[in-house]
Protein backbone atom coordinates (compact mmCIF):
# COMPACT_ATOMS: atom_id res chain seq x y z
CA UNK A 1 3.88 43.60 -3.98
CA UNK A 2 0.56 45.12 -4.87
CA UNK A 3 -1.18 41.78 -5.69
CA UNK A 4 -0.48 39.88 -2.10
CA UNK A 5 -1.88 41.00 1.35
CA UNK A 6 -0.11 40.74 5.00
CA UNK A 7 -1.75 38.54 7.76
CA UNK A 8 -0.63 38.85 11.20
CA UNK A 9 0.72 36.09 13.21
CA UNK A 10 -1.73 32.66 13.42
CA UNK A 11 -3.96 33.84 10.67
CA UNK A 12 -6.34 31.26 9.95
CA UNK A 13 -5.59 28.72 6.64
CA UNK A 14 -7.99 29.14 4.28
CA UNK A 15 -5.27 29.50 1.15
CA UNK A 16 -6.87 26.83 -1.91
CA UNK A 17 -3.94 25.21 -3.26
CA UNK A 18 -5.42 24.79 -6.71
CA UNK A 19 -4.09 24.87 -9.63
CA UNK A 20 -4.39 28.28 -10.22
CA UNK A 21 -2.17 28.98 -7.13
CA UNK A 22 1.09 26.95 -8.99
CA UNK A 23 0.16 28.34 -12.05
CA UNK A 24 0.69 31.65 -10.45
CA UNK A 25 3.85 31.46 -8.42
CA UNK A 26 5.51 28.61 -9.78
CA UNK A 27 5.21 29.14 -13.61
CA UNK A 28 4.53 32.42 -13.96
CA UNK A 29 6.01 35.06 -10.56
CA UNK A 30 9.40 36.41 -11.49
CA UNK A 31 10.38 35.69 -7.40
CA UNK A 32 12.06 32.59 -8.59
CA UNK A 33 10.61 30.42 -5.68
CA UNK A 34 9.30 28.08 -8.57
CA UNK A 35 12.83 28.33 -11.37
CA UNK A 36 13.91 24.92 -11.66
CA UNK A 37 17.64 26.47 -11.09
CA UNK A 38 16.84 27.83 -7.48
CA UNK A 39 15.14 24.25 -6.29
CA UNK A 40 17.86 22.58 -7.58
CA UNK A 41 20.98 24.92 -5.65
CA UNK A 42 18.23 23.87 -1.86
CA UNK A 43 18.25 20.49 -3.23
CA UNK A 44 21.70 19.65 -3.29
CA UNK A 45 22.01 21.62 -0.63
CA UNK A 46 20.35 19.30 1.17
CA UNK A 47 21.12 16.01 -0.40
CA UNK A 48 24.53 17.32 0.15
CA UNK A 49 24.51 17.76 4.26
CA UNK A 50 22.45 14.56 4.81
CA UNK A 51 25.41 12.65 3.39
CA UNK A 52 27.37 14.32 4.37
CA UNK A 53 25.97 12.98 7.79
CA UNK A 54 24.95 9.94 6.97
CA UNK A 55 28.40 9.24 5.05
CA UNK A 56 26.76 7.14 2.40
CA UNK A 57 24.25 8.24 -0.38
CA UNK A 58 20.86 8.64 0.32
CA UNK A 59 18.24 6.30 0.02
CA UNK A 60 15.11 7.84 1.48
CA UNK A 61 13.19 11.43 1.17
CA UNK A 62 10.13 12.56 2.77
CA UNK A 63 8.93 15.73 1.37
CA UNK A 64 6.58 17.44 3.60
CA UNK A 65 4.37 19.75 1.88
CA UNK A 66 5.82 19.21 -1.74
CA UNK A 67 3.31 20.40 -3.81
CA UNK A 68 3.70 19.50 -7.05
CA UNK A 69 6.48 18.03 -6.16
CA UNK A 70 9.31 19.51 -7.41
CA UNK A 71 12.36 18.27 -5.48
CA UNK A 72 10.99 14.75 -6.87
CA UNK A 73 12.14 14.96 -10.23
CA UNK A 74 15.82 16.49 -9.38
CA UNK A 75 16.46 14.42 -6.57
CA UNK A 76 14.99 11.25 -8.91
CA UNK A 77 17.71 12.57 -11.74
CA UNK A 78 20.90 13.16 -8.73
CA UNK A 79 19.73 9.64 -6.85
CA UNK A 80 17.60 7.20 -9.10
CA UNK A 81 17.01 4.63 -7.07
CA UNK A 82 15.82 7.15 -3.88
CA UNK A 83 12.79 5.93 -2.78
CA UNK A 84 10.59 9.34 -1.92
CA UNK A 85 7.75 10.11 -0.17
CA UNK A 86 5.49 12.81 -0.24
CA UNK A 87 2.95 14.81 1.20
CA UNK A 88 0.81 17.83 1.08
CA UNK A 89 -2.54 19.42 1.83
CA UNK A 90 -3.72 19.88 -1.80
CA UNK A 91 -6.69 18.11 -3.18
CA UNK A 92 -5.70 19.29 -6.51
CA UNK A 93 -1.84 17.74 -6.36
CA UNK A 94 -2.59 14.84 -4.68
CA UNK A 95 -5.42 14.38 -8.00
CA UNK A 96 -3.35 15.43 -10.20
CA UNK A 97 -0.30 13.93 -9.71
CA UNK A 98 -0.14 11.86 -6.04
CA UNK A 99 0.09 7.99 -8.25
CA UNK A 100 3.08 8.88 -10.68
CA UNK A 101 4.75 11.31 -7.98
CA UNK A 102 4.79 9.20 -5.25
CA UNK A 103 2.97 11.86 -3.14
CA UNK A 104 0.02 11.28 -0.62
CA UNK A 105 -2.75 13.48 1.05
CA UNK A 106 -2.66 15.69 4.55
CA UNK A 107 -1.55 18.06 6.56
CA UNK A 108 1.45 19.01 8.54
CA UNK A 109 -0.23 19.11 11.68
CA UNK A 110 -1.60 15.10 10.58
CA UNK A 111 1.83 13.67 10.05
CA UNK A 112 1.39 11.66 13.14
CA UNK A 113 -1.21 9.70 11.61
CA UNK A 114 -0.10 8.87 8.61
CA UNK A 115 1.35 5.98 9.41
CA UNK A 116 4.55 6.94 8.12
CA UNK A 117 7.65 4.55 8.35
CA UNK A 118 10.38 6.08 9.01
CA UNK A 119 13.62 7.38 9.86
CA UNK A 120 13.96 8.93 6.43
CA UNK A 121 17.21 9.67 5.49
CA UNK A 122 16.80 13.80 4.18
CA UNK A 123 13.57 15.07 5.52
CA UNK A 124 11.96 18.45 3.88
CA UNK A 125 8.97 20.65 3.95
CA UNK A 126 10.66 24.06 2.26
CA UNK A 127 8.66 26.99 1.85
CA UNK A 128 5.31 25.84 3.84
CA UNK A 129 6.43 26.66 8.11
CA UNK A 130 5.86 30.21 7.34
CA UNK A 131 2.21 30.08 6.61
CA UNK A 132 0.78 27.18 8.46
CA UNK A 133 -1.37 28.44 12.15
CA UNK A 134 0.82 27.51 15.41
CA UNK A 135 -0.20 24.40 16.74
CA UNK A 136 -0.34 22.48 13.28
CA UNK A 137 3.84 23.75 13.31
CA UNK A 138 4.15 22.48 16.73
CA UNK A 139 2.60 18.90 16.04
CA UNK A 140 3.86 18.34 12.26
CA UNK A 141 7.54 19.21 13.20
CA UNK A 142 6.59 17.35 16.35
CA UNK A 143 6.12 14.23 14.31
CA UNK A 144 8.65 15.43 12.40
CA UNK A 145 10.80 15.04 14.65
CA UNK A 146 11.45 10.63 15.11
CA UNK A 147 11.51 10.54 11.17
CA UNK A 148 14.83 12.39 10.82
CA UNK A 149 17.87 9.94 10.53
CA UNK A 150 19.47 11.97 8.98
CA UNK A 151 18.94 14.99 8.08
CA UNK A 152 16.07 17.51 8.08
CA UNK A 153 15.53 20.25 5.42
CA UNK A 154 12.84 23.08 7.27
CA UNK A 155 13.05 26.24 5.35
CA UNK A 156 10.90 29.43 7.27
CA UNK A 157 10.97 32.86 6.81
CA UNK A 158 10.60 35.14 10.03
CA UNK A 159 9.43 38.88 10.96
CA UNK A 160 13.40 39.31 10.25
CA UNK A 161 13.32 38.69 6.77
CA UNK A 162 12.25 40.69 4.11
CA UNK A 163 10.29 38.33 2.12
CA UNK A 164 9.35 38.64 -1.77
CA UNK A 165 6.40 37.03 -3.25
CA UNK A 166 2.70 35.00 -1.54
CA UNK A 167 2.17 37.14 1.59
CA UNK A 168 -1.48 35.76 1.78
CA UNK A 169 -1.51 34.25 5.35
CA UNK A 170 2.29 34.62 6.22
CA UNK A 171 2.88 34.21 9.33
CA UNK A 172 4.75 37.10 10.66
CA UNK A 173 6.52 35.32 13.55
CA UNK A 174 9.71 36.27 15.09
CA UNK A 175 13.55 34.29 15.27
CA UNK A 176 12.66 34.10 18.82
CA UNK A 177 9.83 31.57 18.39
CA UNK A 178 10.98 29.58 15.29
CA UNK A 179 13.60 28.23 17.54
CA UNK A 180 11.26 27.54 20.54
CA UNK A 181 9.41 25.41 17.99
CA UNK A 182 12.40 23.68 17.31
CA UNK A 183 14.09 22.70 20.49
CA UNK A 184 10.52 21.88 21.81
CA UNK A 185 10.23 19.28 18.71
CA UNK A 186 14.20 18.24 19.74
CA UNK A 187 15.69 19.62 16.49
CA UNK A 188 18.94 21.96 16.31
CA UNK A 189 20.04 23.87 14.15
CA UNK A 190 22.99 23.21 11.75
CA UNK A 191 22.60 26.46 10.11
CA UNK A 192 21.06 27.22 5.78
CA UNK A 193 17.77 25.77 7.41
CA UNK A 194 19.47 22.05 8.12
CA UNK A 195 17.86 20.02 11.22
CA UNK A 196 19.64 17.42 12.35
CA UNK A 197 18.32 15.22 16.01
CA UNK A 198 20.01 15.87 19.04
CA UNK A 199 21.11 12.40 19.13
CA UNK A 200 22.68 12.98 15.82
CA UNK A 201 24.17 16.57 16.77
CA UNK A 202 25.54 15.06 19.68
CA UNK A 203 28.49 12.97 16.96
CA UNK A 204 29.35 15.79 15.69
CA UNK A 205 32.89 17.24 16.09
CA UNK A 206 32.54 21.05 17.34
CA UNK A 207 32.78 22.91 14.25
CA UNK A 208 30.47 20.95 12.75
CA UNK A 209 27.61 21.90 14.84
CA UNK A 210 25.48 25.30 13.80
CA UNK A 211 25.67 28.24 16.86
CA UNK A 212 22.53 27.31 19.33
CA UNK A 213 20.79 30.09 19.19
CA UNK A 214 20.60 32.28 22.92
């Protein structure tokens, strides 16, 4: 896109996630990132996977980098009694929606110091990791892993993917780098951006498990 620019791997992040950012990319963009139908499909996927693994309805959700918390409304519609905790680094988001949408202020690298009381049945980090520098990604994943009681939906795009939409400060990492980050944190892929801890993975039957990267 002419209006976007691509940054190299680990470019310093100075992006402003203010009202104009969400207006541009989540309400006016034709890419579809913020379209309710698209977000709903992701929510249903993550929710169903977590409930399959847990064998019951999801009761608690942690949404890291939640933005304006589009997942919350959909989760509340599907599971009205779910307890949702959003975390986002945007001052705008927290001031505008924090109290009414259960959002605390914090960045990915700050999770370990926020006193979050997990584990959570479902942990979400959607459309975040590929905009964050590597040290913070590693810190964040290390903090997320012990909070995962069921399934984590950790969406990330790599240098091997054709990305539409916001390329500003995109961290152009290879798939191998992400595989290393997840493995380092003790998170095992099931496919479709879904991850479980090693302990949960060991309890799945062989063909329920995702293929491990070589």
